[in-house]
Amino acid sequence: MKSRTVEIVNETGLHTRPGNEFVSLAKTFSSQISIENEAGTKVNGTSLLKLLSLGIKKGSKITVYADGEDENEAVDKLSSLLENLKD
């Protein structure tokens, strides 16, 4: 399992549009993808509804987890997406 913690820089946090971008990219990997917020709640990273339920705002630190054969690439690409999301 690989993980990386990133800070959300998007002014409006991780709402529907950027959340959908994340979920779409997460679904391209064979690894199991999950996201954990600062409170320790961990959800499936391929579910937009569960991702939105975390209420991720600008400045939040979240951890991206991937477990599977492409876990390194998954964490790298998903973390990069989150670090560069802009509205």
PDB file of N, CA and C in Angstrom:
ATOM      1  N   MET A   1       0.854  -1.184   0.000  1.00  0.00           N
ATOM      2  CA  MET A   1       0.000   0.000   0.000  1.00  0.00           C
ATOM      3  C   MET A   1       0.891   1.236   0.000  1.00  0.00           C
ATOM      4  N   LYS A   2       0.502   2.197  -0.789  1.00  0.00           N
ATOM      5  CA  LYS A   2       1.227   3.467  -0.888  1.00  0.00           C
ATOM      6  C   LYS A   2       0.254   4.580  -0.502  1.00  0.00           C
ATOM      7  N   SER A   3       0.785   5.638   0.119  1.00  0.00           N
ATOM      8  CA  SER A   3      -0.075   6.770   0.485  1.00  0.00           C
ATOM      9  C   SER A   3       0.717   8.067   0.409  1.00  0.00           C
ATOM     10  N   ARG A   4      -0.010   9.161   0.297  1.00  0.00           N
ATOM     11  CA  ARG A   4       0.597  10.484   0.328  1.00  0.00           C
ATOM     12  C   ARG A   4      -0.432  11.476   0.853  1.00  0.00           C
ATOM     13  N   THR A   5       0.018  12.377   1.718  1.00  0.00           N
ATOM     14  CA  THR A   5      -0.851  13.427   2.256  1.00  0.00           C
ATOM     15  C   THR A   5      -0.630  14.696   1.453  1.00  0.00           C
ATOM     16  N   VAL A   6      -1.734  15.321   1.053  1.00  0.00           N
ATOM     17  CA  VAL A   6      -1.676  16.554   0.265  1.00  0.00           C
ATOM     18  C   VAL A   6      -2.594  17.601   0.877  1.00  0.00           C
ATOM     19  N   GLU A   7      -2.272  18.855   0.611  1.00  0.00           N
ATOM     20  CA  GLU A   7      -3.120  19.956   1.061  1.00  0.00           C
ATOM     21  C   GLU A   7      -3.942  20.458  -0.116  1.00  0.00           C
ATOM     22  N   ILE A   8      -5.232  20.669   0.118  1.00  0.00           N
ATOM     23  CA  ILE A   8      -6.131  21.151  -0.930  1.00  0.00           C
ATOM     24  C   ILE A   8      -5.932  22.653  -1.111  1.00  0.00           C
ATOM     25  N   VAL A   9      -5.607  23.068  -2.329  1.00  0.00           N
ATOM     26  CA  VAL A   9      -5.364  24.483  -2.623  1.00  0.00           C
ATOM     27  C   VAL A   9      -6.518  25.132  -3.377  1.00  0.00           C
ATOM     28  N   ASN A  10      -7.431  24.329  -3.895  1.00  0.00           N
ATOM     29  CA  ASN A  10      -8.571  24.861  -4.633  1.00  0.00           C
ATOM     30  C   ASN A  10      -9.405  25.750  -3.707  1.00  0.00           C
ATOM     31  N   GLU A  11      -9.702  26.959  -4.152  1.00  0.00           N
ATOM     32  CA  GLU A  11     -10.431  27.948  -3.338  1.00  0.00           C
ATOM     33  C   GLU A  11     -11.739  27.412  -2.769  1.00  0.00           C
ATOM     34  N   THR A  12     -12.430  26.577  -3.529  1.00  0.00           N
ATOM     35  CA  THR A  12     -13.725  26.083  -3.073  1.00  0.00           C
ATOM     36  C   THR A  12     -13.655  24.641  -2.574  1.00  0.00           C
ATOM     37  N   GLY A  13     -12.460  24.153  -2.343  1.00  0.00           N
ATOM     38  CA  GLY A  13     -12.299  22.803  -1.804  1.00  0.00           C
ATOM     39  C   GLY A  13     -12.566  21.739  -2.852  1.00  0.00           C
ATOM     40  N   LEU A  14     -12.926  20.582  -2.371  1.00  0.00           N
ATOM     41  CA  LEU A  14     -13.176  19.447  -3.260  1.00  0.00           C
ATOM     42  C   LEU A  14     -14.685  19.269  -3.403  1.00  0.00           C
ATOM     43  N   HIS A  15     -15.285  20.080  -4.257  1.00  0.00           N
ATOM     44  CA  HIS A  15     -16.725  20.013  -4.496  1.00  0.00           C
ATOM     45  C   HIS A  15     -16.983  19.120  -5.707  1.00  0.00           C
ATOM     46  N   THR A  16     -18.160  19.191  -6.295  1.00  0.00           N
ATOM     47  CA  THR A  16     -18.581  18.247  -7.329  1.00  0.00           C
ATOM     48  C   THR A  16     -17.669  18.198  -8.553  1.00  0.00           C
ATOM     49  N   ARG A  17     -17.335  19.326  -9.163  1.00  0.00           N
ATOM     50  CA  ARG A  17     -16.537  19.285 -10.391  1.00  0.00           C
ATOM     51  C   ARG A  17     -15.144  18.716 -10.157  1.00  0.00           C
ATOM     52  N   PRO A  18     -14.356  19.261  -9.224  1.00  0.00           N
ATOM     53  CA  PRO A  18     -13.040  18.666  -9.003  1.00  0.00           C
ATOM     54  C   PRO A  18     -13.127  17.256  -8.402  1.00  0.00           C
ATOM     55  N   GLY A  19     -14.162  17.012  -7.621  1.00  0.00           N
ATOM     56  CA  GLY A  19     -14.350  15.668  -7.077  1.00  0.00           C
ATOM     57  C   GLY A  19     -14.591  14.657  -8.181  1.00  0.00           C
ATOM     58  N   ASN A  20     -15.355  15.065  -9.180  1.00  0.00           N
ATOM     59  CA  ASN A  20     -15.626  14.192 -10.318  1.00  0.00           C
ATOM     60  C   ASN A  20     -14.344  13.931 -11.120  1.00  0.00           C
ATOM     61  N   GLU A  21     -13.494  14.950 -11.253  1.00  0.00           N
ATOM     62  CA  GLU A  21     -12.204  14.763 -11.925  1.00  0.00           C
ATOM     63  C   GLU A  21     -11.378  13.722 -11.184  1.00  0.00           C
ATOM     64  N   PHE A  22     -11.353  13.817  -9.861  1.00  0.00           N
ATOM     65  CA  PHE A  22     -10.594  12.876  -9.048  1.00  0.00           C
ATOM     66  C   PHE A  22     -11.136  11.458  -9.222  1.00  0.00           C
ATOM     67  N   VAL A  23     -12.443  11.295  -9.091  1.00  0.00           N
ATOM     68  CA  VAL A  23     -13.073   9.976  -9.187  1.00  0.00           C
ATOM     69  C   VAL A  23     -12.843   9.371 -10.573  1.00  0.00           C
ATOM     70  N   SER A  24     -12.978  10.181 -11.619  1.00  0.00           N
ATOM     71  CA  SER A  24     -12.756   9.685 -12.982  1.00  0.00           C
ATOM     72  C   SER A  24     -11.334   9.160 -13.149  1.00  0.00           C
ATOM     73  N   LEU A  25     -10.366   9.899 -12.633  1.00  0.00           N
ATOM     74  CA  LEU A  25      -8.976   9.454 -12.725  1.00  0.00           C
ATOM     75  C   LEU A  25      -8.760   8.206 -11.850  1.00  0.00           C
ATOM     76  N   ALA A  26      -9.328   8.192 -10.661  1.00  0.00           N
ATOM     77  CA  ALA A  26      -9.164   7.055  -9.748  1.00  0.00           C
ATOM     78  C   ALA A  26      -9.669   5.757 -10.371  1.00  0.00           C
ATOM     79  N   LYS A  27     -10.733   5.851 -11.153  1.00  0.00           N
ATOM     80  CA  LYS A  27     -11.320   4.668 -11.778  1.00  0.00           C
ATOM     81  C   LYS A  27     -10.463   4.096 -12.891  1.00  0.00           C
ATOM     82  N   THR A  28      -9.431   4.828 -13.334  1.00  0.00           N
ATOM     83  CA  THR A  28      -8.562   4.312 -14.401  1.00  0.00           C
ATOM     84  C   THR A  28      -7.496   3.358 -13.862  1.00  0.00           C
ATOM     85  N   PHE A  29      -7.345   3.277 -12.565  1.00  0.00           N
ATOM     86  CA  PHE A  29      -6.328   2.416 -11.961  1.00  0.00           C
ATOM     87  C   PHE A  29      -6.937   1.102 -11.486  1.00  0.00           C
ATOM     88  N   SER A  30      -6.126   0.049 -11.506  1.00  0.00           N
ATOM     89  CA  SER A  30      -6.604  -1.245 -11.010  1.00  0.00           C
ATOM     90  C   SER A  30      -6.505  -1.323  -9.487  1.00  0.00           C
ATOM     91  N   SER A  31      -5.685  -0.470  -8.886  1.00  0.00           N
ATOM     92  CA  SER A  31      -5.526  -0.451  -7.433  1.00  0.00           C
ATOM     93  C   SER A  31      -6.805   0.023  -6.741  1.00  0.00           C
ATOM     94  N   GLN A  32      -6.983  -0.405  -5.497  1.00  0.00           N
ATOM     95  CA  GLN A  32      -8.060   0.101  -4.650  1.00  0.00           C
ATOM     96  C   GLN A  32      -7.637   1.496  -4.198  1.00  0.00           C
ATOM     97  N   ILE A  33      -8.481   2.498  -4.418  1.00  0.00           N
ATOM     98  CA  ILE A  33      -8.180   3.883  -4.072  1.00  0.00           C
ATOM     99  C   ILE A  33      -9.080   4.312  -2.918  1.00  0.00           C
ATOM    100  N   SER A  34      -8.485   4.962  -1.926  1.00  0.00           N
ATOM    101  CA  SER A  34      -9.284   5.524  -0.835  1.00  0.00           C
ATOM    102  C   SER A  34      -8.694   6.863  -0.406  1.00  0.00           C
ATOM    103  N   ILE A  35      -9.532   7.656   0.252  1.00  0.00           N
ATOM    104  CA  ILE A  35      -9.179   8.994   0.722  1.00  0.00           C
ATOM    105  C   ILE A  35      -9.515   9.075   2.200  1.00  0.00           C
ATOM    106  N   GLU A  36      -8.616   9.707   2.959  1.00  0.00           N
ATOM    107  CA  GLU A  36      -8.855   9.886   4.390  1.00  0.00           C
ATOM    108  C   GLU A  36      -8.725  11.362   4.743  1.00  0.00           C
ATOM    109  N   ASN A  37      -9.694  11.890   5.487  1.00  0.00           N
ATOM    110  CA  ASN A  37      -9.620  13.292   5.893  1.00  0.00           C
ATOM    111  C   ASN A  37      -8.866  13.422   7.218  1.00  0.00           C
ATOM    112  N   GLU A  38      -8.714  14.649   7.681  1.00  0.00           N
ATOM    113  CA  GLU A  38      -7.953  14.909   8.909  1.00  0.00           C
ATOM    114  C   GLU A  38      -8.600  14.304  10.152  1.00  0.00           C
ATOM    115  N   ALA A  39      -9.886  14.054  10.091  1.00  0.00           N
ATOM    116  CA  ALA A  39     -10.602  13.465  11.225  1.00  0.00           C
ATOM    117  C   ALA A  39     -10.451  11.944  11.268  1.00  0.00           C
ATOM    118  N   GLY A  40      -9.815  11.382  10.239  1.00  0.00           N
ATOM    119  CA  GLY A  40      -9.603   9.944  10.211  1.00  0.00           C
ATOM    120  C   GLY A  40     -10.678   9.146   9.507  1.00  0.00           C
ATOM    121  N   THR A  41     -11.617   9.838   8.852  1.00  0.00           N
ATOM    122  CA  THR A  41     -12.656   9.147   8.096  1.00  0.00           C
ATOM    123  C   THR A  41     -12.092   8.763   6.736  1.00  0.00           C
ATOM    124  N   LYS A  42     -12.177   7.477   6.414  1.00  0.00           N
ATOM    125  CA  LYS A  42     -11.614   6.960   5.163  1.00  0.00           C
ATOM    126  C   LYS A  42     -12.749   6.443   4.287  1.00  0.00           C
ATOM    127  N   VAL A  43     -12.752   6.872   3.012  1.00  0.00           N
ATOM    128  CA  VAL A  43     -13.815   6.462   2.092  1.00  0.00           C
ATOM    129  C   VAL A  43     -13.221   5.951   0.782  1.00  0.00           C
ATOM    130  N   ASN A  44     -14.054   5.266   0.035  1.00  0.00           N
ATOM    131  CA  ASN A  44     -13.696   4.768  -1.286  1.00  0.00           C
ATOM    132  C   ASN A  44     -13.460   5.957  -2.222  1.00  0.00           C
ATOM    133  N   GLY A  45     -12.289   6.008  -2.835  1.00  0.00           N
ATOM    134  CA  GLY A  45     -11.936   7.126  -3.710  1.00  0.00           C
ATOM    135  C   GLY A  45     -12.564   7.086  -5.080  1.00  0.00           C
ATOM    136  N   THR A  46     -13.322   6.023  -5.377  1.00  0.00           N
ATOM    137  CA  THR A  46     -13.996   5.961  -6.668  1.00  0.00           C
ATOM    138  C   THR A  46     -15.484   6.259  -6.548  1.00  0.00           C
ATOM    139  N   SER A  47     -15.904   6.759  -5.395  1.00  0.00           N
ATOM    140  CA  SER A  47     -17.304   7.120  -5.165  1.00  0.00           C
ATOM    141  C   SER A  47     -17.398   8.626  -4.936  1.00  0.00           C
ATOM    142  N   LEU A  48     -17.999   9.328  -5.881  1.00  0.00           N
ATOM    143  CA  LEU A  48     -18.133  10.783  -5.753  1.00  0.00           C
ATOM    144  C   LEU A  48     -18.952  11.145  -4.517  1.00  0.00           C
ATOM    145  N   LEU A  49     -20.022  10.442  -4.271  1.00  0.00           N
ATOM    146  CA  LEU A  49     -20.875  10.744  -3.119  1.00  0.00           C
ATOM    147  C   LEU A  49     -20.106  10.606  -1.807  1.00  0.00           C
ATOM    148  N   LYS A  50     -19.323   9.540  -1.678  1.00  0.00           N
ATOM    149  CA  LYS A  50     -18.555   9.343  -0.450  1.00  0.00           C
ATOM    150  C   LYS A  50     -17.445  10.385  -0.320  1.00  0.00           C
ATOM    151  N   LEU A  51     -16.831  10.734  -1.439  1.00  0.00           N
ATOM    152  CA  LEU A  51     -15.792  11.757  -1.430  1.00  0.00           C
ATOM    153  C   LEU A  51     -16.369  13.097  -0.978  1.00  0.00           C
ATOM    154  N   LEU A  52     -17.524  13.458  -1.523  1.00  0.00           N
ATOM    155  CA  LEU A  52     -18.166  14.723  -1.155  1.00  0.00           C
ATOM    156  C   LEU A  52     -18.608  14.728   0.309  1.00  0.00           C
ATOM    157  N   SER A  53     -18.918  13.552   0.848  1.00  0.00           N
ATOM    158  CA  SER A  53     -19.374  13.468   2.241  1.00  0.00           C
ATOM    159  C   SER A  53     -18.276  13.859   3.231  1.00  0.00           C
ATOM    160  N   LEU A  54     -17.021  13.890   2.782  1.00  0.00           N
ATOM    161  CA  LEU A  54     -15.921  14.285   3.668  1.00  0.00           C
ATOM    162  C   LEU A  54     -15.878  15.792   3.901  1.00  0.00           C
ATOM    163  N   GLY A  55     -16.549  16.583   3.046  1.00  0.00           N
ATOM    164  CA  GLY A  55     -16.587  18.036   3.224  1.00  0.00           C
ATOM    165  C   GLY A  55     -15.210  18.679   3.167  1.00  0.00           C
ATOM    166  N   ILE A  56     -14.422  18.325   2.180  1.00  0.00           N
ATOM    167  CA  ILE A  56     -13.039  18.794   2.080  1.00  0.00           C
ATOM    168  C   ILE A  56     -12.996  20.242   1.588  1.00  0.00           C
ATOM    169  N   LYS A  57     -12.416  21.111   2.405  1.00  0.00           N
ATOM    170  CA  LYS A  57     -12.330  22.543   2.090  1.00  0.00           C
ATOM    171  C   LYS A  57     -10.888  22.938   1.798  1.00  0.00           C
ATOM    172  N   LYS A  58     -10.713  24.156   1.290  1.00  0.00           N
ATOM    173  CA  LYS A  58      -9.367  24.669   1.035  1.00  0.00           C
ATOM    174  C   LYS A  58      -8.549  24.615   2.328  1.00  0.00           C
ATOM    175  N   GLY A  59      -7.311  24.160   2.205  1.00  0.00           N
ATOM    176  CA  GLY A  59      -6.434  24.062   3.360  1.00  0.00           C
ATOM    177  C   GLY A  59      -6.508  22.724   4.079  1.00  0.00           C
ATOM    178  N   SER A  60      -7.524  21.923   3.743  1.00  0.00           N
ATOM    179  CA  SER A  60      -7.635  20.590   4.344  1.00  0.00           C
ATOM    180  C   SER A  60      -6.476  19.727   3.887  1.00  0.00           C
ATOM    181  N   LYS A  61      -6.013  18.877   4.769  1.00  0.00           N
ATOM    182  CA  LYS A  61      -4.991  17.896   4.405  1.00  0.00           C
ATOM    183  C   LYS A  61      -5.665  16.541   4.346  1.00  0.00           C
ATOM    184  N   ILE A  62      -5.543  15.900   3.188  1.00  0.00           N
ATOM    185  CA  ILE A  62      -6.138  14.583   3.013  1.00  0.00           C
ATOM    186  C   ILE A  62      -5.054  13.599   2.576  1.00  0.00           C
ATOM    187  N   THR A  63      -5.283  12.347   2.872  1.00  0.00           N
ATOM    188  CA  THR A  63      -4.330  11.311   2.492  1.00  0.00           C
ATOM    189  C   THR A  63      -4.955  10.430   1.419  1.00  0.00           C
ATOM    190  N   VAL A  64      -4.207  10.249   0.342  1.00  0.00           N
ATOM    191  CA  VAL A  64      -4.609   9.389  -0.765  1.00  0.00           C
ATOM    192  C   VAL A  64      -3.918   8.039  -0.576  1.00  0.00           C
ATOM    193  N   TYR A  65      -4.691   6.972  -0.611  1.00  0.00           N
ATOM    194  CA  TYR A  65      -4.162   5.618  -0.490  1.00  0.00           C
ATOM    195  C   TYR A  65      -4.435   4.838  -1.775  1.00  0.00           C
ATOM    196  N   ALA A  66      -3.487   3.999  -2.157  1.00  0.00           N
ATOM    197  CA  ALA A  66      -3.691   3.074  -3.269  1.00  0.00           C
ATOM    198  C   ALA A  66      -3.063   1.742  -2.881  1.00  0.00           C
ATOM    199  N   ASP A  67      -3.770   0.674  -3.189  1.00  0.00           N
ATOM    200  CA  ASP A  67      -3.276  -0.660  -2.878  1.00  0.00           C
ATOM    201  C   ASP A  67      -3.507  -1.553  -4.090  1.00  0.00           C
ATOM    202  N   GLY A  68      -2.416  -1.932  -4.748  1.00  0.00           N
ATOM    203  CA  GLY A  68      -2.520  -2.782  -5.926  1.00  0.00           C
ATOM    204  C   GLY A  68      -1.288  -2.656  -6.791  1.00  0.00           C
ATOM    205  N   GLU A  69      -1.350  -3.267  -7.967  1.00  0.00           N
ATOM    206  CA  GLU A  69      -0.155  -3.327  -8.800  1.00  0.00           C
ATOM    207  C   GLU A  69       0.269  -1.988  -9.388  1.00  0.00           C
ATOM    208  N   ASP A  70      -0.626  -1.033  -9.522  1.00  0.00           N
ATOM    209  CA  ASP A  70      -0.244   0.280 -10.048  1.00  0.00           C
ATOM    210  C   ASP A  70      -0.344   1.371  -8.969  1.00  0.00           C
ATOM    211  N   GLU A  71      -0.126   0.985  -7.711  1.00  0.00           N
ATOM    212  CA  GLU A  71      -0.304   1.906  -6.586  1.00  0.00           C
ATOM    213  C   GLU A  71       0.628   3.110  -6.635  1.00  0.00           C
ATOM    214  N   ASN A  72       1.862   2.939  -7.064  1.00  0.00           N
ATOM    215  CA  ASN A  72       2.798   4.076  -7.132  1.00  0.00           C
ATOM    216  C   ASN A  72       2.318   5.127  -8.118  1.00  0.00           C
ATOM    217  N   GLU A  73       1.953   4.682  -9.315  1.00  0.00           N
ATOM    218  CA  GLU A  73       1.460   5.604 -10.333  1.00  0.00           C
ATOM    219  C   GLU A  73       0.154   6.257  -9.887  1.00  0.00           C
ATOM    220  N   ALA A  74      -0.726   5.475  -9.275  1.00  0.00           N
ATOM    221  CA  ALA A  74      -2.022   5.993  -8.830  1.00  0.00           C
ATOM    222  C   ALA A  74      -1.843   7.112  -7.810  1.00  0.00           C
ATOM    223  N   VAL A  75      -1.033   6.876  -6.789  1.00  0.00           N
ATOM    224  CA  VAL A  75      -0.828   7.896  -5.757  1.00  0.00           C
ATOM    225  C   VAL A  75      -0.155   9.131  -6.356  1.00  0.00           C
ATOM    226  N   ASP A  76       0.825   8.937  -7.215  1.00  0.00           N
ATOM    227  CA  ASP A  76       1.510  10.078  -7.832  1.00  0.00           C
ATOM    228  C   ASP A  76       0.553  10.940  -8.643  1.00  0.00           C
ATOM    229  N   LYS A  77      -0.223  10.310  -9.513  1.00  0.00           N
ATOM    230  CA  LYS A  77      -1.124  11.071 -10.396  1.00  0.00           C
ATOM    231  C   LYS A  77      -2.295  11.691  -9.647  1.00  0.00           C
ATOM    232  N   LEU A  78      -2.872  10.952  -8.716  1.00  0.00           N
ATOM    233  CA  LEU A  78      -4.010  11.490  -7.961  1.00  0.00           C
ATOM    234  C   LEU A  78      -3.574  12.627  -7.036  1.00  0.00           C
ATOM    235  N   SER A  79      -2.422  12.491  -6.413  1.00  0.00           N
ATOM    236  CA  SER A  79      -1.906  13.556  -5.542  1.00  0.00           C
ATOM    237  C   SER A  79      -1.604  14.809  -6.354  1.00  0.00           C
ATOM    238  N   SER A  80      -0.998  14.617  -7.502  1.00  0.00           N
ATOM    239  CA  SER A  80      -0.685  15.752  -8.374  1.00  0.00           C
ATOM    240  C   SER A  80      -1.963  16.476  -8.798  1.00  0.00           C
ATOM    241  N   LEU A  81      -2.978  15.717  -9.136  1.00  0.00           N
ATOM    242  CA  LEU A  81      -4.258  16.323  -9.514  1.00  0.00           C
ATOM    243  C   LEU A  81      -4.798  17.172  -8.365  1.00  0.00           C
ATOM    244  N   LEU A  82      -4.808  16.622  -7.163  1.00  0.00           N
ATOM    245  CA  LEU A  82      -5.340  17.356  -6.008  1.00  0.00           C
ATOM    246  C   LEU A  82      -4.533  18.612  -5.692  1.00  0.00           C
ATOM    247  N   GLU A  83      -3.218  18.548  -5.851  1.00  0.00           N
ATOM    248  CA  GLU A  83      -2.365  19.687  -5.552  1.00  0.00           C
ATOM    249  C   GLU A  83      -2.488  20.799  -6.579  1.00  0.00           C
ATOM    250  N   ASN A  84      -3.035  20.492  -7.742  1.00  0.00           N
ATOM    251  CA  ASN A  84      -3.095  21.487  -8.815  1.00  0.00           C
ATOM    252  C   ASN A  84      -4.511  21.844  -9.244  1.00  0.00           C
ATOM    253  N   LEU A  85      -5.524  21.366  -8.539  1.00  0.00           N
ATOM    254  CA  LEU A  85      -6.916  21.689  -8.908  1.00  0.00           C
ATOM    255  C   LEU A  85      -7.193  23.166  -8.718  1.00  0.00           C
ATOM    256  N   LYS A  86      -7.776  23.760  -9.704  1.00  0.00           N
ATOM    257  CA  LYS A  86      -8.208  25.164  -9.640  1.00  0.00           C
ATOM    258  C   LYS A  86      -9.622  25.237 -10.191  1.00  0.00           C
ATOM    259  N   ASP A  87     -10.425  26.147  -9.663  1.00  0.00           N
ATOM    260  CA  ASP A  87     -11.783  26.333 -10.189  1.00  0.00           C
ATOM    261  C   ASP A  87     -11.785  27.071 -11.494  1.00  0.00           C
TER     262      ASP A  87
END
